[in-house]
Amino acid sequence: MEDITVKSIESVAPYSGPHEIPGIGFRHIREALGVTAWGMNVLDFAPNTTGYPEHDHVGDGQEEVYVVLRGAVTLEAGGASKVLNAGDFARVAPHVKRKLITTDAGAQVLAIGATPGQAFTPQM
């Protein structure tokens, strides 16, 4: 592996396959860069996307950070809804169920996750 890897978001093709979610382009950035310490993906949300699955990370202990790169999303987590705009960061603890949705505008979100104190093991 190279010591420095550079990729543009657009150069990483969105996932296409049986687990594809309508309205969401899921780009495996961690894999494209060869990152082994944490998970990292870019999600391109179309307007009015509600299909991002509600989930938690109780099973693997991952905490996640979402960074809105473009547009806005609503983070539904822990019984609350928070609008995240471009430039906003949000951390979600492993036990908290979370879901991202968009309204009339789309969004691009960087999702970063890792289990504190453990080396990252990608789940494919």
Protein backbone atom coordinates (compact mmCIF):
# COMPACT_ATOMS: atom_id res chain seq x y z
CA MET A 1 0.00 0.00 0.00
CA GLU A 2 1.12 3.51 -0.76
CA ASP A 3 2.04 5.88 2.07
CA ILE A 4 -0.28 8.53 0.62
CA THR A 5 -3.53 7.82 -1.20
CA VAL A 6 -5.64 10.57 -2.75
CA LYS A 7 -9.14 10.08 -4.11
CA SER A 8 -11.97 12.44 -4.96
CA ILE A 9 -15.44 11.52 -3.72
CA GLU A 10 -16.67 11.26 -7.29
CA SER A 11 -13.91 8.79 -8.20
CA VAL A 12 -15.34 6.23 -5.75
CA ALA A 13 -18.36 4.61 -7.37
CA PRO A 14 -21.45 4.22 -5.18
CA TYR A 15 -22.28 0.69 -4.04
CA SER A 16 -24.44 -1.24 -6.45
CA GLY A 17 -25.88 -4.57 -5.42
CA PRO A 18 -28.54 -6.39 -3.45
CA HIS A 19 -28.29 -4.09 -0.39
CA GLU A 20 -28.51 -0.84 -2.37
CA ILE A 21 -30.98 1.65 -0.84
CA PRO A 22 -33.06 3.77 -3.24
CA GLY A 23 -32.12 7.45 -3.01
CA ILE A 24 -28.76 6.81 -1.32
CA GLY A 25 -25.40 6.54 -3.06
CA PHE A 26 -23.17 4.72 -0.56
CA ARG A 27 -19.46 5.27 -1.29
CA HIS A 28 -16.95 3.01 0.51
CA ILE A 29 -14.26 5.63 1.07
CA ARG A 30 -12.41 3.61 3.75
CA GLU A 31 -11.87 0.80 1.30
CA ALA A 32 -10.87 3.12 -1.55
CA LEU A 33 -8.21 4.81 0.59
CA GLY A 34 -7.04 1.65 2.36
CA VAL A 35 -7.90 2.98 5.85
CA THR A 36 -7.64 0.27 8.50
CA ALA A 37 -8.20 2.19 11.76
CA TRP A 38 -11.87 3.23 11.32
CA GLY A 39 -14.83 2.95 8.99
CA MET A 40 -15.54 5.85 6.65
CA ASN A 41 -18.20 6.24 3.99
CA VAL A 42 -19.79 9.07 2.04
CA LEU A 43 -23.55 8.92 1.59
CA ASP A 44 -25.21 10.91 -1.18
CA PHE A 45 -28.88 11.43 -0.26
CA ALA A 46 -31.46 12.39 -2.88
CA PRO A 47 -34.22 14.79 -1.79
CA ASN A 48 -37.01 13.25 0.33
CA THR A 49 -35.03 10.12 1.20
CA THR A 50 -36.40 8.16 4.15
CA GLY A 51 -34.95 4.70 3.41
CA TYR A 52 -31.77 4.99 5.47
CA PRO A 53 -32.33 2.19 8.00
CA GLU A 54 -32.76 2.97 11.67
CA HIS A 55 -29.94 1.17 13.45
CA ASP A 56 -27.64 1.13 16.44
CA HIS A 57 -24.21 -0.36 17.06
CA VAL A 58 -24.83 -2.23 20.30
CA GLY A 59 -23.44 -5.40 18.70
CA ASP A 60 -20.08 -3.96 17.66
CA GLY A 61 -19.77 -0.99 20.04
CA GLN A 62 -19.09 1.52 17.25
CA GLU A 63 -19.65 5.18 17.87
CA GLU A 64 -20.34 7.16 14.72
CA VAL A 65 -19.70 10.73 13.66
CA TYR A 66 -21.68 12.27 10.83
CA VAL A 67 -20.33 15.34 9.01
CA VAL A 68 -22.64 17.08 6.57
CA LEU A 69 -20.56 18.05 3.54
CA ARG A 70 -23.40 19.50 1.47
CA GLY A 71 -27.12 20.16 1.99
CA ALA A 72 -28.99 19.19 5.16
CA VAL A 73 -30.24 16.01 6.83
CA THR A 74 -32.42 15.34 9.81
CA LEU A 75 -30.81 13.05 12.36
CA GLU A 76 -33.42 11.14 14.32
CA ALA A 77 -31.63 9.70 17.34
CA GLY A 78 -32.46 8.91 20.92
CA GLY A 79 -36.04 10.12 20.54
CA ALA A 80 -35.00 13.55 19.22
CA SER A 81 -34.73 15.10 15.76
CA LYS A 82 -31.90 17.45 14.89
CA VAL A 83 -31.39 19.22 11.58
CA LEU A 84 -27.74 19.05 10.51
CA ASN A 85 -26.55 21.54 7.91
CA ALA A 86 -23.37 21.68 5.84
CA GLY A 87 -20.42 21.95 8.22
CA ASP A 88 -22.22 20.35 11.18
CA PHE A 89 -20.83 17.35 13.07
CA ALA A 90 -22.86 14.91 15.17
CA ARG A 91 -21.58 12.03 17.33
CA VAL A 92 -23.91 9.16 18.15
CA ALA A 93 -23.13 6.65 20.92
CA PRO A 94 -23.24 2.94 20.06
CA HIS A 95 -26.47 2.17 21.96
CA VAL A 96 -28.52 4.99 20.39
CA LYS A 97 -30.82 4.10 17.49
CA ARG A 98 -30.32 6.56 14.64
CA LYS A 99 -31.72 7.35 11.20
CA LEU A 100 -30.94 10.05 8.61
CA ILE A 101 -33.59 11.56 6.35
CA THR A 102 -33.73 14.43 3.88
CA THR A 103 -36.50 16.80 2.93
CA ASP A 104 -36.81 18.83 -0.30
CA ALA A 105 -33.02 19.11 -0.73
CA GLY A 106 -30.49 16.33 -0.96
CA ALA A 107 -27.36 16.02 1.13
CA GLN A 108 -23.88 14.55 1.18
CA VAL A 109 -22.75 13.10 4.52
CA LEU A 110 -19.41 11.70 5.67
CA ALA A 111 -19.97 8.88 8.18
CA ILE A 112 -17.03 7.82 10.35
CA GLY A 113 -17.22 4.94 12.82
CA ALA A 114 -14.98 2.96 15.12
CA THR A 115 -15.08 0.99 18.34
CA PRO A 116 -13.19 2.81 21.11
CA GLY A 117 -10.07 0.94 22.19
CA GLN A 118 -10.25 -1.65 19.41
CA ALA A 119 -8.67 -2.01 16.01
CA PHE A 120 -11.17 -1.60 13.18
CA THR A 121 -12.41 -4.76 11.47
CA PRO A 122 -14.42 -3.98 8.32
CA GLN A 123 -17.80 -5.69 8.04
CA MET A 124 -18.64 -6.58 4.47
